[in-house]
Amino acid sequence: MSTAINNPNDPADPHSPRRLMYVADPSSIAVGILPDSVQPNDLYQWVDMLADAGVDIFVQDVCSQGYTVYWRSDQFQYDQRDQHRRFLPMLDAGTQPLQLLLDRSRERGMAFIAGFRMNDNHDFPVFCDFIESHPQWQLVRPPEANQGGKPLDFTFDEVRAFDFQIMAEVADRFDVDGLELTFRGPGYFPAPHGPQRAHLMTDLMRRLREMLDAHGKSRGKRLLLGARVIAPIEQCLELGLDVPTWIAERLIDYVSPQDTMYSDFNAGYAPFGDLTRDNPCMLYPGMNPWSSYRMRQKHPMTAPMQRALAHTFYNVGADGVSLFNHFVGHLWNPPFYPHALHDFRDLRDPNRVARAQRHYVFDPAWGGVPWFGMDRNPYGVLGAQRVILDRAADNPSGVFRFNLYEHMDHVRAATLLVRGPDLTQHDQLDVKLNDTPLSLGPFGRPDPRPREHCPDTRWFALPPDAPAFGDNHLTITLVTSDPNASGDLILDEVEVFVQPR
């Protein structure tokens, strides 16, 4: 049974000893690590990097938008983009790269999962014949949604059968430890009909479970079925993904909730923990390389940020951490691969996470992104939290909510930071955390000297009794507005630094 960590000295009680999952997408490793042309030893070295970093479960995406990658089939088309042509000499010689990845993973003690992207928002120069020749089966999306790719409408039996056949061939030809379905695409049913058609996707999940159980019986083991889904869970249901039923019927063996691109510290992970806590289904929330679109322009997640998010995961009942898109943030940023992989060892141990410094960043994940409607995520949902204060009003006030799973008796010091692009040194704020007033103290206000401190920041030493374990509300009141400033005062970033005892 998975439990929250009420004492950082007590280990969590996971469903499985496998703590750390690494997900490789269809192309990034081929582009960023593997040479042209790829030799078997190149694949072995790549798998060894992951094993040496403490990875327990290696998920390699093997199909996207109808194309196979890392393996070739007589029934389905192989991805002809340049990054996948580097495997052709090996494939022409009769060697499947997927088999080499699988074999080396087994040798190094890692489980190997084949991943499938259930729709995608990436554009291809040419889409597979199944997609191109059946425009009537393509998903019609609202204008505010992501318009990339050519996603399919799972209302149609033919679409569900097509995906099932690809997965069935992989499970039949390769002795994988399971399959993962990545539901981070631009939808699966026409909006707003997802909830009414969710049973169709659930039927597909039942069929996959039956197929995997048949293979597992002959191989003497249970083959895993995992689902990577959007958080919060209510959004899954809107998309036609009935995750609670998948868990209740034991159709899936693990679930990985996450934002599509960013590590959202405020995402609704706890409801997934409630569903899995008394169920064999494992919980591996997804960790992305950046906290927000804004942070993507600066730097990827730091080690203290990764520990803070992992601490949240473990305290809502997670069995481990799933690293998604990690390579995108670290292949081209120092310390580069393979060194950047070694932060993982901290994340696999909830006690090490609890004993080290943590940095929580609550910023607007999709703030400033105009592509799907300003500040909205690829599903058109508002993905930015803000406190907006009208400078012309008397003592305008707003509330910023955030999740913090910290037992303050195990914390030596904690600092809360509030930031806004329109905050000036002459603005006076009254700030309360859960109704406890926070004092700026001698160093909490900006220094007016040039280039000393950012004028858009206030920071506060947190009293031990101020933070709540879980949901917190920060009430911010503009007591005195800068007389030279006009328009709204927007505060949209809150950070918490935690130094454990």
Protein backbone atom coordinates (compact mmCIF):
# COMPACT_ATOMS: atom_id res chain seq x y z
CA MET A 1 0.00 0.00 0.00
CA SER A 2 1.27 3.48 -0.81
CA THR A 3 1.23 5.97 2.06
CA ALA A 4 2.10 9.60 2.67
CA ILE A 5 5.37 10.28 4.45
CA ASN A 6 4.38 11.68 7.81
CA ASN A 7 7.91 11.35 9.16
CA PRO A 8 10.87 11.98 6.85
CA ASN A 9 12.84 9.32 8.71
CA ASP A 10 10.30 6.61 7.85
CA PRO A 11 10.45 5.15 4.33
CA ALA A 12 7.38 5.12 2.16
CA ASP A 13 5.61 1.80 1.68
CA PRO A 14 5.39 1.45 -2.11
CA HIS A 15 3.57 -1.11 -4.19
CA SER A 16 6.83 -1.87 -5.99
CA PRO A 17 10.55 -1.44 -5.24
CA ARG A 18 10.92 0.18 -8.66
CA ARG A 19 11.07 3.91 -7.90
CA LEU A 20 12.46 5.63 -10.96
CA MET A 21 10.98 5.58 -14.46
CA TYR A 22 12.63 7.20 -17.48
CA VAL A 23 10.59 7.90 -20.62
CA ALA A 24 12.32 8.42 -23.98
CA ASP A 25 10.21 9.94 -26.73
CA PRO A 26 10.26 8.75 -30.36
CA SER A 27 13.06 11.01 -31.60
CA SER A 28 15.03 13.08 -29.08
CA ILE A 29 17.60 10.45 -28.10
CA ALA A 30 18.07 9.50 -31.75
CA VAL A 31 18.75 13.16 -32.55
CA GLY A 32 20.74 14.15 -29.47
CA ILE A 33 22.76 11.09 -28.45
CA LEU A 34 22.88 8.37 -31.08
CA PRO A 35 25.18 8.68 -34.12
CA ASP A 36 24.40 8.22 -37.79
CA SER A 37 24.46 5.29 -38.40
CA VAL A 38 23.61 3.57 -35.13
CA GLN A 39 25.54 0.49 -34.06
CA PRO A 40 24.49 -2.01 -31.37
CA ASN A 41 27.14 -0.75 -28.96
CA ASP A 42 25.68 2.77 -29.18
CA LEU A 43 22.36 1.45 -27.88
CA TYR A 44 24.08 -0.55 -25.15
CA GLN A 45 25.97 2.53 -23.96
CA TRP A 46 22.75 4.54 -23.85
CA VAL A 47 20.98 1.92 -21.74
CA ASP A 48 24.03 1.70 -19.47
CA MET A 49 23.80 5.46 -18.82
CA LEU A 50 20.27 5.02 -17.51
CA ALA A 51 21.08 1.97 -15.41
CA ASP A 52 24.14 3.67 -13.89
CA ALA A 53 21.91 6.61 -12.92
CA GLY A 54 19.58 4.36 -10.92
CA VAL A 55 16.68 4.05 -13.38
CA ASP A 56 14.40 1.07 -12.62
CA ILE A 57 11.96 1.25 -15.53
CA PHE A 58 12.93 2.31 -19.05
CA VAL A 59 10.02 3.38 -21.27
CA GLN A 60 10.91 3.77 -24.93
CA ASP A 61 8.23 5.18 -27.22
CA VAL A 62 7.97 2.81 -30.19
CA CYS A 63 5.03 4.27 -32.13
CA SER A 64 3.76 7.76 -32.87
CA GLN A 65 1.00 8.84 -35.25
CA GLY A 66 0.90 5.43 -36.88
CA TYR A 67 4.63 5.13 -37.56
CA THR A 68 6.86 2.57 -35.89
CA VAL A 69 10.22 3.66 -34.44
CA TYR A 70 13.09 1.46 -33.18
CA TRP A 71 11.44 -1.53 -34.90
CA ARG A 72 10.07 -2.42 -38.30
CA SER A 73 6.88 -4.24 -39.19
CA ASP A 74 5.41 -5.86 -42.28
CA GLN A 75 2.00 -4.39 -41.40
CA PHE A 76 2.81 -0.83 -40.35
CA GLN A 77 4.97 1.92 -41.81
CA TYR A 78 8.36 2.83 -40.41
CA ASP A 79 9.09 6.50 -39.60
CA GLN A 80 11.13 7.87 -42.53
CA ARG A 81 12.28 11.09 -40.89
CA ASP A 82 16.06 11.63 -40.94
CA GLN A 83 16.60 10.80 -37.27
CA HIS A 84 15.11 7.35 -37.79
CA ARG A 85 16.89 6.60 -41.04
CA ARG A 86 20.09 6.19 -39.02
CA PHE A 87 18.66 2.84 -37.84
CA LEU A 88 18.08 1.52 -41.38
CA PRO A 89 21.43 -0.28 -41.81
CA MET A 90 20.76 -2.19 -38.61
CA LEU A 91 17.17 -2.96 -39.61
CA ASP A 92 18.21 -4.01 -43.12
CA ALA A 93 20.67 -6.43 -41.52
CA GLY A 94 17.79 -8.05 -39.64
CA THR A 95 18.43 -6.50 -36.22
CA GLN A 96 15.61 -4.71 -34.40
CA PRO A 97 16.99 -1.84 -32.25
CA LEU A 98 14.03 -2.33 -29.91
CA GLN A 99 15.22 -5.87 -29.16
CA LEU A 100 18.71 -4.61 -28.30
CA LEU A 101 17.31 -1.98 -25.93
CA LEU A 102 15.12 -4.60 -24.29
CA ASP A 103 17.92 -7.16 -23.90
CA ARG A 104 20.37 -4.66 -22.43
CA SER A 105 17.74 -3.33 -20.03
CA ARG A 106 17.18 -6.86 -18.74
CA GLU A 107 20.92 -7.41 -18.33
CA ARG A 108 21.12 -4.22 -16.25
CA GLY A 109 18.13 -5.07 -14.07
CA MET A 110 15.66 -2.59 -15.56
CA ALA A 111 12.10 -3.32 -16.62
CA PHE A 112 11.45 -2.38 -20.25
CA ILE A 113 8.15 -0.82 -21.33
CA ALA A 114 7.13 -0.06 -24.92
CA GLY A 115 5.44 3.34 -25.18
CA PHE A 116 2.68 4.42 -27.57
CA ARG A 117 1.60 7.99 -28.21
CA MET A 118 -2.18 8.12 -28.33
CA ASN A 119 -2.42 11.03 -30.76
CA ASP A 120 0.26 13.67 -30.89
CA ASN A 121 0.56 17.37 -31.65
CA HIS A 122 3.79 17.20 -33.64
CA ASP A 123 3.63 17.86 -37.36
CA PHE A 124 5.25 15.40 -39.77
CA PRO A 125 6.43 16.12 -43.33
CA VAL A 126 4.21 13.21 -44.40
CA PHE A 127 1.76 11.36 -42.20
CA CYS A 128 1.23 7.61 -42.39
CA ASP A 129 -1.14 6.23 -45.01
CA PHE A 130 -3.78 5.27 -42.44
CA ILE A 131 -4.09 8.89 -41.31
CA GLU A 132 -3.75 10.51 -44.73
CA SER A 133 -6.22 8.21 -46.46
CA HIS A 134 -8.98 8.57 -43.86
CA PRO A 135 -9.58 12.27 -43.23
CA GLN A 136 -13.07 11.40 -41.99
CA TRP A 137 -11.46 9.73 -38.94
CA GLN A 138 -9.37 12.74 -38.01
CA LEU A 139 -10.35 14.72 -34.93
CA VAL A 140 -12.05 18.07 -35.48
CA ARG A 141 -10.71 20.43 -32.82
CA PRO A 142 -11.97 23.77 -31.53
CA PRO A 143 -9.93 26.76 -32.72
CA GLU A 144 -8.48 27.42 -29.24
CA ALA A 145 -6.99 23.90 -29.02
CA ASN A 146 -3.59 22.76 -30.25
CA GLN A 147 -3.77 22.44 -34.04
CA GLY A 148 -0.53 20.48 -34.54
CA GLY A 149 -0.47 16.94 -35.91
CA LYS A 150 -3.41 15.00 -37.32
CA PRO A 151 -4.97 13.34 -34.27
CA LEU A 152 -7.52 10.59 -34.74
CA ASP A 153 -11.05 10.41 -33.38
CA PHE A 154 -11.38 7.34 -31.14
CA THR A 155 -15.14 7.40 -31.65
CA PHE A 156 -14.50 5.20 -34.70
CA ASP A 157 -14.04 1.45 -34.29
CA GLU A 158 -11.43 1.48 -37.05
CA VAL A 159 -9.21 3.93 -35.16
CA ARG A 160 -9.27 1.93 -31.95
CA ALA A 161 -8.65 -1.28 -33.90
CA PHE A 162 -5.65 0.26 -35.68
CA ASP A 163 -3.95 1.26 -32.43
CA PHE A 164 -4.75 -2.08 -30.83
CA GLN A 165 -3.18 -3.99 -33.72
CA ILE A 166 0.11 -2.09 -33.41
CA MET A 167 0.27 -2.73 -29.67
CA ALA A 168 -0.67 -6.37 -30.10
CA GLU A 169 2.17 -6.89 -32.59
CA VAL A 170 4.73 -5.40 -30.19
CA ALA A 171 3.48 -7.54 -27.31
CA ASP A 172 3.54 -10.62 -29.53
CA ARG A 173 6.96 -10.13 -31.13
CA PHE A 174 8.91 -8.67 -28.20
CA ASP A 175 9.14 -9.95 -24.63
CA VAL A 176 8.47 -6.50 -23.17
CA ASP A 177 7.51 -6.03 -19.54
CA GLY A 178 4.48 -4.00 -20.56
CA LEU A 179 2.98 -1.18 -22.58
CA GLU A 180 2.51 2.49 -21.77
CA LEU A 181 -0.15 4.65 -23.43
CA THR A 182 0.70 8.34 -23.48
CA PHE A 183 -2.46 10.46 -23.41
CA ARG A 184 -0.90 13.92 -23.68
CA GLY A 185 -2.07 14.60 -27.21
CA PRO A 186 -4.58 17.18 -28.39
CA GLY A 187 -7.69 15.16 -27.56
CA TYR A 188 -9.31 11.84 -28.41
CA PHE A 189 -12.98 12.66 -28.99
CA PRO A 190 -14.68 15.77 -30.38
CA ALA A 191 -15.32 18.35 -27.66
CA PRO A 192 -17.48 18.40 -25.62
CA HIS A 193 -18.36 14.72 -26.12
CA GLY A 194 -15.45 13.17 -24.22
CA PRO A 195 -17.42 12.20 -21.09
CA GLN A 196 -20.21 10.59 -23.14
CA ARG A 197 -17.73 8.56 -25.22
CA ALA A 198 -15.28 7.62 -22.48
CA HIS A 199 -16.65 4.07 -22.45
CA LEU A 200 -15.16 3.56 -25.91
CA MET A 201 -11.64 4.23 -24.64
CA THR A 202 -12.33 2.10 -21.58
CA ASP A 203 -13.36 -0.76 -23.88
CA LEU A 204 -9.99 -0.42 -25.63
CA MET A 205 -8.23 -0.55 -22.26
CA ARG A 206 -10.17 -3.72 -21.36
CA ARG A 207 -9.18 -5.31 -24.65
CA LEU A 208 -5.52 -4.43 -24.07
CA ARG A 209 -5.67 -5.82 -20.54
CA GLU A 210 -7.08 -9.10 -21.86
CA MET A 211 -4.40 -9.32 -24.55
CA LEU A 212 -1.57 -8.61 -22.09
CA ASP A 213 -2.95 -11.12 -19.59
CA ALA A 214 -2.93 -13.81 -22.28
CA HIS A 215 0.72 -13.10 -23.09
CA GLY A 216 1.57 -12.87 -19.41
CA LYS A 217 0.06 -16.27 -18.71
CA SER A 218 2.24 -17.92 -21.33
CA ARG A 219 5.34 -16.05 -20.11
CA GLY A 220 4.75 -16.60 -16.41
CA LYS A 221 4.46 -12.94 -15.41
CA ARG A 222 1.98 -10.07 -15.41
CA LEU A 223 2.60 -7.63 -18.22
CA LEU A 224 2.15 -4.04 -17.13
CA LEU A 225 -0.26 -1.58 -18.69
CA GLY A 226 0.47 2.04 -17.85
CA ALA A 227 -1.29 5.31 -18.70
CA ARG A 228 0.33 8.74 -18.87
CA VAL A 229 -2.45 11.28 -18.43
CA ILE A 230 -3.06 14.95 -17.83
CA ALA A 231 -3.51 16.32 -14.32
CA PRO A 232 -6.00 17.24 -12.89
CA ILE A 233 -8.16 14.16 -13.07
CA GLU A 234 -11.28 16.18 -13.97
CA GLN A 235 -9.59 17.16 -17.21
CA CYS A 236 -8.99 13.49 -18.02
CA LEU A 237 -12.72 12.86 -17.75
CA GLU A 238 -13.47 15.82 -20.01
CA LEU A 239 -11.18 14.29 -22.62
CA GLY A 240 -12.91 10.92 -22.41
CA LEU A 241 -10.31 9.19 -20.22
CA ASP A 242 -12.11 7.49 -17.34
CA VAL A 243 -9.02 6.93 -15.22
CA PRO A 244 -10.98 6.13 -12.01
CA THR A 245 -12.66 3.21 -13.79
CA TRP A 246 -9.35 2.02 -15.25
CA ILE A 247 -7.93 1.91 -11.73
CA ALA A 248 -11.03 0.47 -10.04
CA GLU A 249 -11.30 -2.36 -12.60
CA ARG A 250 -7.53 -2.98 -12.34
CA LEU A 251 -7.10 -2.45 -16.05
CA ILE A 252 -3.90 -0.44 -15.56
CA ASP A 253 -0.91 -1.22 -13.36
CA TYR A 254 0.36 2.34 -13.06
CA VAL A 255 -0.73 5.87 -13.81
CA SER A 256 1.52 8.88 -14.48
CA PRO A 257 -0.33 12.20 -14.11
CA GLN A 258 1.44 15.31 -15.37
CA ASP A 259 1.15 18.52 -17.32
CA THR A 260 1.78 18.07 -21.02
CA MET A 261 5.07 20.00 -20.96
CA TYR A 262 5.86 21.56 -17.58
CA SER A 263 6.41 20.45 -13.99
CA ASP A 264 3.38 22.02 -12.38
CA PHE A 265 3.97 22.06 -8.61
CA ASN A 266 0.30 22.87 -8.09
CA ALA A 267 -1.21 20.18 -10.32
CA GLY A 268 -3.82 17.87 -8.82
CA TYR A 269 -1.66 14.88 -7.90
CA ALA A 270 -3.41 14.11 -4.59
CA PRO A 271 -6.66 12.76 -6.13
CA PHE A 272 -4.62 10.19 -8.03
CA GLY A 273 -3.03 9.15 -4.74
CA ASP A 274 -6.50 8.74 -3.25
CA LEU A 275 -7.43 6.38 -6.11
CA THR A 276 -4.28 4.25 -5.95
CA ARG A 277 -3.65 4.13 -2.21
CA ASP A 278 -5.81 1.04 -1.58
CA ASN A 279 -5.39 -0.37 -5.08
CA PRO A 280 -2.54 -2.33 -6.72
CA CYS A 281 -2.22 0.42 -9.32
CA MET A 282 1.10 2.23 -8.88
CA LEU A 283 1.45 6.01 -9.03
CA TYR A 284 4.41 7.52 -10.90
CA PRO A 285 3.70 11.26 -11.40
CA GLY A 286 5.55 12.85 -14.28
CA MET A 287 8.40 15.32 -13.83
CA ASN A 288 9.17 17.57 -16.80
CA PRO A 289 12.37 19.58 -17.37
CA TRP A 290 10.91 23.05 -16.72
CA SER A 291 8.38 24.50 -14.30
CA SER A 292 6.82 26.83 -16.88
CA TYR A 293 7.05 28.34 -20.33
CA ARG A 294 8.61 31.38 -18.70
CA MET A 295 11.27 29.27 -16.96
CA ARG A 296 11.97 27.43 -20.22
CA GLN A 297 13.55 30.63 -21.45
CA LYS A 298 15.93 30.60 -18.46
CA HIS A 299 17.00 27.18 -17.19
CA PRO A 300 15.69 23.66 -16.56
CA MET A 301 14.62 22.32 -13.19
CA THR A 302 17.43 22.46 -10.62
CA ALA A 303 18.19 19.61 -8.23
CA PRO A 304 16.43 21.38 -5.28
CA MET A 305 13.38 21.95 -7.51
CA GLN A 306 13.34 18.29 -8.53
CA ARG A 307 13.54 17.24 -4.88
CA ALA A 308 10.70 19.59 -3.94
CA LEU A 309 8.41 18.16 -6.60
CA ALA A 310 9.41 14.59 -5.71
CA HIS A 311 8.66 15.39 -2.05
CA THR A 312 5.17 16.44 -3.11
CA PHE A 313 4.76 13.24 -5.11
CA TYR A 314 5.76 10.97 -2.23
CA ASN A 315 3.57 12.80 0.25
CA VAL A 316 0.44 12.29 -1.84
CA GLY A 317 1.15 8.56 -2.09
CA ALA A 318 3.42 8.14 -5.12
CA ASP A 319 5.41 4.96 -5.59
CA GLY A 320 8.11 6.78 -7.51
CA VAL A 321 8.90 9.44 -10.10
CA SER A 322 8.54 9.31 -13.88
CA LEU A 323 11.02 11.52 -15.73
CA PHE A 324 9.45 12.77 -18.94
CA ASN A 325 11.18 14.87 -21.62
CA HIS A 326 14.21 15.12 -19.30
CA PHE A 327 16.60 15.02 -22.26
CA VAL A 328 15.11 18.17 -23.78
CA GLY A 329 16.22 20.25 -20.82
CA HIS A 330 19.62 18.64 -20.32
CA LEU A 331 21.03 17.43 -23.63
CA TRP A 332 21.98 21.00 -24.53
CA ASN A 333 22.45 22.54 -21.07
CA PRO A 334 25.39 21.86 -18.74
CA PRO A 335 26.32 19.60 -17.07
CA PHE A 336 24.94 17.62 -20.07
CA TYR A 337 24.38 13.89 -20.38
CA PRO A 338 25.43 11.55 -18.84
CA HIS A 339 26.34 13.72 -15.81
CA ALA A 340 22.87 15.31 -15.63
CA LEU A 341 21.32 11.86 -15.18
CA HIS A 342 22.91 11.36 -11.79
CA ASP A 343 20.50 13.70 -9.98
CA PHE A 344 18.11 10.78 -10.26
CA ARG A 345 19.57 8.86 -7.34
CA ASP A 346 18.29 11.46 -4.89
CA LEU A 347 14.80 11.23 -6.37
CA ARG A 348 14.45 7.47 -5.99
CA ASP A 349 14.81 7.67 -2.19
CA PRO A 350 12.06 9.65 -0.38
CA ASN A 351 14.23 9.89 2.73
CA ARG A 352 17.12 11.47 0.84
CA VAL A 353 14.64 13.85 -0.75
CA ALA A 354 13.32 14.79 2.71
CA ARG A 355 16.80 15.41 4.13
CA ALA A 356 18.02 17.77 1.37
CA GLN A 357 17.19 21.37 0.47
CA ARG A 358 14.01 21.84 -1.53
CA HIS A 359 12.87 24.70 -3.75
CA TYR A 360 9.18 24.92 -4.68
CA VAL A 361 8.27 27.08 -7.67
CA PHE A 362 4.62 28.00 -8.18
CA ASP A 363 4.63 29.99 -11.38
CA PRO A 364 2.15 30.11 -14.26
CA ALA A 365 2.99 27.00 -16.26
CA TRP A 366 1.47 28.33 -19.48
CA GLY A 367 1.67 32.03 -18.63
CA GLY A 368 2.45 34.13 -21.69
CA VAL A 369 1.70 31.33 -24.15
CA PRO A 370 -0.68 32.61 -26.88
CA TRP A 371 -0.97 29.50 -29.04
CA PHE A 372 -4.11 28.00 -27.47
CA GLY A 373 -5.62 31.20 -26.10
CA MET A 374 -3.51 33.42 -23.88
CA ASP A 375 -2.16 31.60 -20.79
CA ARG A 376 -4.02 28.40 -21.73
CA ASN A 377 -2.64 24.90 -22.05
CA PRO A 378 -2.99 22.76 -25.22
CA TYR A 379 -6.53 21.78 -24.19
CA GLY A 380 -7.64 25.40 -23.93
CA VAL A 381 -7.71 25.32 -20.11
CA LEU A 382 -6.40 28.37 -18.27
CA GLY A 383 -2.97 27.33 -16.99
CA ALA A 384 -1.89 30.44 -15.12
CA GLN A 385 -2.75 31.47 -11.56
CA ARG A 386 -2.53 35.17 -10.74
CA VAL A 387 -3.36 37.68 -8.06
CA ILE A 388 -4.56 40.80 -9.88
CA LEU A 389 -4.81 43.96 -7.77
CA ASP A 390 -6.47 47.12 -9.07
CA ARG A 391 -4.21 50.01 -8.11
CA ALA A 392 -7.16 52.41 -8.30
CA ALA A 393 -9.13 50.49 -5.64
CA ASP A 394 -8.84 50.83 -1.87
CA ASN A 395 -6.75 48.02 -0.36
CA PRO A 396 -7.35 45.52 -3.17
CA SER A 397 -6.73 41.93 -2.14
CA GLY A 398 -6.38 38.52 -3.74
CA VAL A 399 -5.53 34.92 -2.86
CA PHE A 400 -2.83 32.69 -4.33
CA ARG A 401 -3.25 28.99 -3.52
CA PHE A 402 -0.45 26.44 -3.49
CA ASN A 403 0.25 22.93 -2.23
CA LEU A 404 3.06 22.43 0.26
CA TYR A 405 3.59 19.07 1.94
CA GLU A 406 6.02 20.04 4.68
CA HIS A 407 6.05 19.11 8.37
CA MET A 408 7.56 22.25 9.85
CA ASP A 409 8.94 20.46 12.92
CA HIS A 410 11.39 18.81 10.51
CA VAL A 411 12.36 22.13 8.89
CA ARG A 412 15.26 24.29 10.05
CA ALA A 413 14.32 27.33 7.96
CA ALA A 414 11.84 28.24 5.25
CA THR A 415 11.50 31.34 3.12
CA LEU A 416 8.55 32.39 0.97
CA LEU A 417 9.05 34.65 -2.01
CA VAL A 418 6.41 36.65 -3.90
CA ARG A 419 7.15 38.09 -7.31
CA GLY A 420 5.29 40.11 -9.91
CA PRO A 421 6.42 41.93 -13.04
CA ASP A 422 4.62 45.14 -12.03
CA LEU A 423 5.68 45.23 -8.37
CA THR A 424 7.86 48.24 -7.52
CA GLN A 425 9.95 49.17 -4.50
CA HIS A 426 7.32 51.75 -3.49
CA ASP A 427 4.42 49.29 -3.36
CA GLN A 428 3.53 48.24 0.18
CA LEU A 429 2.00 44.79 0.59
CA ASP A 430 0.28 43.07 3.48
CA VAL A 431 0.81 39.32 3.16
CA LYS A 432 -0.80 36.54 5.20
CA LEU A 433 -0.28 32.81 4.89
CA ASN A 434 -3.35 30.90 6.10
CA ASP A 435 -4.32 34.06 8.05
CA THR A 436 -0.89 34.29 9.73
CA PRO A 437 0.72 37.68 9.01
CA LEU A 438 4.14 37.49 7.38
CA SER A 439 6.76 40.06 8.26
CA LEU A 440 9.31 41.29 5.77
CA GLY A 441 12.01 41.62 8.42
CA PRO A 442 15.25 43.54 7.90
CA PHE A 443 16.09 42.00 4.52
CA GLY A 444 12.69 41.34 3.00
CA ARG A 445 12.22 44.55 1.07
CA PRO A 446 14.07 45.54 -2.10
CA ASP A 447 17.17 47.70 -1.94
CA PRO A 448 16.74 50.81 -4.12
CA ARG A 449 20.39 50.80 -5.15
CA PRO A 450 20.85 49.87 -8.83
CA ARG A 451 21.48 46.21 -9.67
CA GLU A 452 21.32 45.10 -6.04
CA HIS A 453 17.98 43.34 -5.64
CA CYS A 454 15.11 42.79 -8.02
CA PRO A 455 12.39 45.38 -7.33
CA ASP A 456 9.73 42.85 -8.32
CA THR A 457 10.31 40.54 -5.34
CA ARG A 458 9.36 40.33 -1.65
CA TRP A 459 10.53 37.55 0.64
CA PHE A 460 9.56 36.42 4.11
CA ALA A 461 10.95 34.05 6.71
CA LEU A 462 8.11 31.61 7.36
CA PRO A 463 6.96 31.14 10.96
CA PRO A 464 6.73 27.41 11.78
CA ASP A 465 3.00 27.64 12.47
CA ALA A 466 2.10 29.44 9.22
CA PRO A 467 2.25 26.71 6.53
CA ALA A 468 -0.42 24.03 6.39
CA PHE A 469 0.37 20.47 5.30
CA GLY A 470 -1.22 20.38 1.85
CA ASP A 471 -3.42 23.24 0.67
CA ASN A 472 -2.24 26.76 1.54
CA HIS A 473 -3.71 30.15 0.74
CA LEU A 474 -1.62 33.29 0.52
CA THR A 475 -3.65 36.49 0.92
CA ILE A 476 -1.99 39.55 -0.61
CA THR A 477 -3.30 43.07 -0.05
CA LEU A 478 -1.96 46.21 -1.70
CA VAL A 479 -1.88 48.65 1.24
CA THR A 480 -0.14 51.49 -0.58
CA SER A 481 0.31 51.70 -4.33
CA ASP A 482 3.33 53.30 -5.97
CA PRO A 483 2.01 56.75 -6.97
CA ASN A 484 3.98 56.61 -10.20
CA ALA A 485 2.55 53.24 -11.25
CA SER A 486 -0.73 52.64 -13.05
CA GLY A 487 -2.80 49.72 -14.20
CA ASP A 488 -3.18 46.41 -12.42
CA LEU A 489 -0.55 44.97 -10.12
CA ILE A 490 -0.08 41.34 -11.12
CA LEU A 491 1.59 38.83 -8.78
CA ASP A 492 1.97 35.41 -10.39
CA GLU A 493 5.04 33.74 -8.87
CA VAL A 494 5.40 32.25 -5.41
CA GLU A 495 8.46 30.29 -4.34
CA VAL A 496 9.23 28.46 -1.12
CA PHE A 497 12.74 27.48 -0.06
CA VAL A 498 12.98 24.74 2.58
CA GLN A 499 16.09 23.81 4.54
CA PRO A 500 15.45 20.60 6.54
CA ARG A 501 16.96 19.93 9.94
